[in-house]
Structure formats: C-alpha cells, structure tokens
N, C-alpha and C. Protein backbone atom coordinates (compact mmCIF):
# COMPACT_ATOMS: atom_id res chain seq x y z
N UNK A 1 89.77 -80.94 -48.22
CA UNK A 1 89.49 -79.52 -48.08
C UNK A 1 88.51 -79.26 -46.94
N UNK A 2 87.54 -80.13 -46.77
CA UNK A 2 86.55 -79.96 -45.70
C UNK A 2 87.23 -79.98 -44.34
N UNK A 3 88.26 -80.83 -44.18
CA UNK A 3 88.99 -80.91 -42.92
C UNK A 3 89.70 -79.58 -42.64
N UNK A 4 90.32 -78.99 -43.68
CA UNK A 4 90.98 -77.69 -43.53
C UNK A 4 89.98 -76.62 -43.13
N UNK A 5 88.83 -76.60 -43.78
CA UNK A 5 87.80 -75.60 -43.47
C UNK A 5 87.32 -75.75 -42.03
N UNK A 6 87.13 -76.96 -41.58
CA UNK A 6 86.68 -77.19 -40.21
C UNK A 6 87.74 -76.73 -39.21
N UNK A 7 89.00 -77.02 -39.49
CA UNK A 7 90.08 -76.59 -38.60
C UNK A 7 90.20 -75.07 -38.59
N UNK A 8 90.07 -74.46 -39.74
CA UNK A 8 90.14 -73.01 -39.84
C UNK A 8 89.02 -72.35 -39.05
N UNK A 9 87.81 -72.88 -39.21
CA UNK A 9 86.65 -72.34 -38.49
C UNK A 9 86.83 -72.49 -36.99
N UNK A 10 87.31 -73.64 -36.55
CA UNK A 10 87.51 -73.88 -35.12
C UNK A 10 88.57 -72.92 -34.56
N UNK A 11 89.65 -72.70 -35.30
CA UNK A 11 90.71 -71.80 -34.85
C UNK A 11 90.19 -70.37 -34.75
N UNK A 12 89.42 -69.94 -35.75
CA UNK A 12 88.86 -68.58 -35.70
C UNK A 12 87.91 -68.43 -34.53
N UNK A 13 87.02 -69.37 -34.35
CA UNK A 13 86.04 -69.29 -33.26
C UNK A 13 86.73 -69.20 -31.90
N UNK A 14 87.83 -69.92 -31.74
CA UNK A 14 88.58 -69.87 -30.48
C UNK A 14 89.15 -68.47 -30.27
N UNK A 15 89.68 -67.86 -31.31
CA UNK A 15 90.25 -66.51 -31.19
C UNK A 15 89.16 -65.46 -31.03
N UNK A 16 88.04 -65.63 -31.70
CA UNK A 16 86.98 -64.63 -31.69
C UNK A 16 86.35 -64.46 -30.31
N UNK A 17 86.33 -65.53 -29.54
CA UNK A 17 85.68 -65.47 -28.23
C UNK A 17 86.26 -64.38 -27.33
N UNK A 18 87.57 -64.18 -27.38
CA UNK A 18 88.17 -63.17 -26.50
C UNK A 18 89.01 -62.16 -27.28
N UNK A 19 88.74 -62.00 -28.56
CA UNK A 19 89.53 -61.10 -29.41
C UNK A 19 89.60 -59.68 -28.84
N UNK A 20 88.49 -59.16 -28.34
CA UNK A 20 88.47 -57.79 -27.86
C UNK A 20 89.39 -57.55 -26.67
N UNK A 21 89.76 -58.62 -25.97
CA UNK A 21 90.66 -58.51 -24.83
C UNK A 21 92.12 -58.78 -25.18
N UNK A 22 92.40 -59.09 -26.45
CA UNK A 22 93.78 -59.34 -26.87
C UNK A 22 94.46 -58.01 -27.20
N UNK A 23 95.76 -58.06 -27.42
CA UNK A 23 96.51 -56.86 -27.82
C UNK A 23 95.91 -56.25 -29.08
N UNK A 24 95.65 -57.08 -30.08
CA UNK A 24 95.07 -56.58 -31.33
C UNK A 24 93.70 -55.96 -31.11
N UNK A 25 92.88 -56.59 -30.31
CA UNK A 25 91.55 -56.08 -30.04
C UNK A 25 91.59 -54.73 -29.32
N UNK A 26 92.47 -54.62 -28.34
CA UNK A 26 92.60 -53.34 -27.63
C UNK A 26 93.17 -52.27 -28.55
N UNK A 27 94.10 -52.65 -29.43
CA UNK A 27 94.70 -51.71 -30.37
C UNK A 27 93.66 -51.14 -31.34
N UNK A 28 92.77 -51.99 -31.83
CA UNK A 28 91.79 -51.52 -32.81
C UNK A 28 90.61 -50.79 -32.17
N UNK A 29 90.44 -50.92 -30.86
CA UNK A 29 89.31 -50.29 -30.17
C UNK A 29 89.27 -48.77 -30.41
N UNK A 30 90.44 -48.12 -30.34
CA UNK A 30 90.46 -46.66 -30.51
C UNK A 30 90.04 -46.26 -31.93
N UNK A 31 90.36 -47.09 -32.92
CA UNK A 31 89.95 -46.80 -34.29
C UNK A 31 88.45 -46.99 -34.47
N UNK A 32 87.91 -48.00 -33.80
CA UNK A 32 86.46 -48.22 -33.84
C UNK A 32 85.74 -47.03 -33.22
N UNK A 33 86.25 -46.56 -32.08
CA UNK A 33 85.63 -45.42 -31.42
C UNK A 33 85.72 -44.17 -32.29
N UNK A 34 86.84 -43.98 -32.97
CA UNK A 34 86.98 -42.84 -33.89
C UNK A 34 85.97 -42.93 -35.02
N UNK A 35 85.83 -44.11 -35.60
CA UNK A 35 84.86 -44.29 -36.67
C UNK A 35 83.43 -44.00 -36.19
N UNK A 36 83.09 -44.46 -35.01
CA UNK A 36 81.76 -44.22 -34.48
C UNK A 36 81.51 -42.73 -34.31
N UNK A 37 82.52 -41.99 -33.89
CA UNK A 37 82.34 -40.55 -33.69
C UNK A 37 82.18 -39.81 -35.02
N UNK A 38 82.59 -40.42 -36.12
CA UNK A 38 82.53 -39.78 -37.43
C UNK A 38 81.37 -40.25 -38.30
N UNK A 39 80.77 -41.36 -37.94
CA UNK A 39 79.73 -41.97 -38.78
C UNK A 39 78.36 -41.38 -38.45
N UNK A 40 77.61 -41.10 -39.49
CA UNK A 40 76.22 -40.66 -39.32
C UNK A 40 75.36 -41.59 -40.17
N UNK A 41 74.68 -42.51 -39.51
CA UNK A 41 73.83 -43.45 -40.22
C UNK A 41 72.42 -42.91 -40.34
N UNK A 42 71.85 -43.06 -41.49
CA UNK A 42 70.45 -42.67 -41.70
C UNK A 42 69.53 -43.73 -41.11
N UNK A 43 68.29 -43.34 -40.85
CA UNK A 43 67.30 -44.33 -40.38
C UNK A 43 67.22 -45.47 -41.38
N UNK A 44 67.11 -46.67 -40.89
CA UNK A 44 67.01 -47.88 -41.70
C UNK A 44 68.24 -48.12 -42.58
N UNK A 45 69.37 -47.56 -42.18
CA UNK A 45 70.61 -47.78 -42.93
C UNK A 45 71.02 -49.24 -42.83
N UNK A 46 71.70 -49.69 -43.85
CA UNK A 46 72.26 -51.04 -43.86
C UNK A 46 73.77 -50.91 -43.79
N UNK A 47 74.38 -51.70 -42.93
CA UNK A 47 75.83 -51.70 -42.78
C UNK A 47 76.34 -53.07 -43.16
N UNK A 48 77.30 -53.10 -44.05
CA UNK A 48 77.92 -54.36 -44.46
C UNK A 48 79.24 -54.50 -43.74
N UNK A 49 79.37 -55.54 -42.96
CA UNK A 49 80.58 -55.83 -42.20
C UNK A 49 81.29 -56.97 -42.92
N UNK A 50 82.38 -56.66 -43.60
CA UNK A 50 83.09 -57.66 -44.40
C UNK A 50 84.43 -57.98 -43.74
N UNK A 51 84.55 -59.20 -43.26
CA UNK A 51 85.80 -59.68 -42.68
C UNK A 51 86.32 -58.74 -41.61
N UNK A 52 85.43 -58.30 -40.74
CA UNK A 52 85.82 -57.33 -39.71
C UNK A 52 85.86 -57.94 -38.32
N UNK A 53 86.23 -59.18 -38.24
CA UNK A 53 86.42 -59.78 -36.93
C UNK A 53 85.18 -60.46 -36.38
N UNK A 54 84.96 -60.24 -35.09
CA UNK A 54 83.92 -60.99 -34.38
C UNK A 54 82.57 -60.28 -34.30
N UNK A 55 82.42 -59.17 -34.98
CA UNK A 55 81.14 -58.47 -35.00
C UNK A 55 80.98 -57.42 -33.93
N UNK A 56 82.00 -57.21 -33.10
CA UNK A 56 81.88 -56.23 -32.02
C UNK A 56 81.69 -54.81 -32.54
N UNK A 57 82.23 -54.50 -33.71
CA UNK A 57 82.05 -53.16 -34.26
C UNK A 57 80.59 -52.92 -34.63
N UNK A 58 79.91 -53.93 -35.15
CA UNK A 58 78.49 -53.77 -35.45
C UNK A 58 77.68 -53.53 -34.18
N UNK A 59 78.08 -54.16 -33.10
CA UNK A 59 77.40 -53.93 -31.83
C UNK A 59 77.59 -52.49 -31.38
N UNK A 60 78.77 -51.94 -31.59
CA UNK A 60 79.04 -50.54 -31.26
C UNK A 60 78.19 -49.62 -32.12
N UNK A 61 77.98 -49.96 -33.39
CA UNK A 61 77.21 -49.13 -34.29
C UNK A 61 75.70 -49.20 -34.04
N UNK A 62 75.22 -50.24 -33.42
CA UNK A 62 73.78 -50.46 -33.26
C UNK A 62 73.07 -49.27 -32.60
N UNK A 63 73.58 -48.68 -31.53
CA UNK A 63 72.87 -47.54 -30.93
C UNK A 63 72.73 -46.35 -31.89
N UNK A 64 73.61 -46.22 -32.86
CA UNK A 64 73.54 -45.12 -33.81
C UNK A 64 72.31 -45.22 -34.69
N UNK A 65 71.77 -46.43 -34.86
CA UNK A 65 70.61 -46.62 -35.72
C UNK A 65 69.30 -46.46 -34.95
N UNK A 66 69.38 -46.44 -33.64
CA UNK A 66 68.16 -46.37 -32.83
C UNK A 66 67.50 -45.01 -32.90
C-alpha cells in the first residue's frame, strides 16, 4: 500500500505543478473568478480547502482577507 501511496503522490505532484495551464485548469479559472466576485470574507475568516487541487484558489482568495 505504501508503494501505491507514493506513486499516487508523485503523479499528483507532477500534475499540480502546471495544472493551471492545462485545459482543466483554464476551464475552472472562470468559476474561481466568479466565486471570488461573490464571496465576502470577514476579518480573520478561516477557509477550508478540501480536495480543491493545487491551492491556487486559496491564493486568489488571500487578497480578500487583507
């Protein structure tokens, strides 16, 4: 099982490096931008990112908390 987990992690890390430049990444970009335009975060808000890719959406949300 450890070998499977290591292979899975390596495969994900390879995809995550350039995910935003792939077809899927470009496709989801407009939805991320729509969400950002609709979200109003309170000061000191906590955002839970569950299985949402490589974390780029959290980077987009960061200025909203400033």
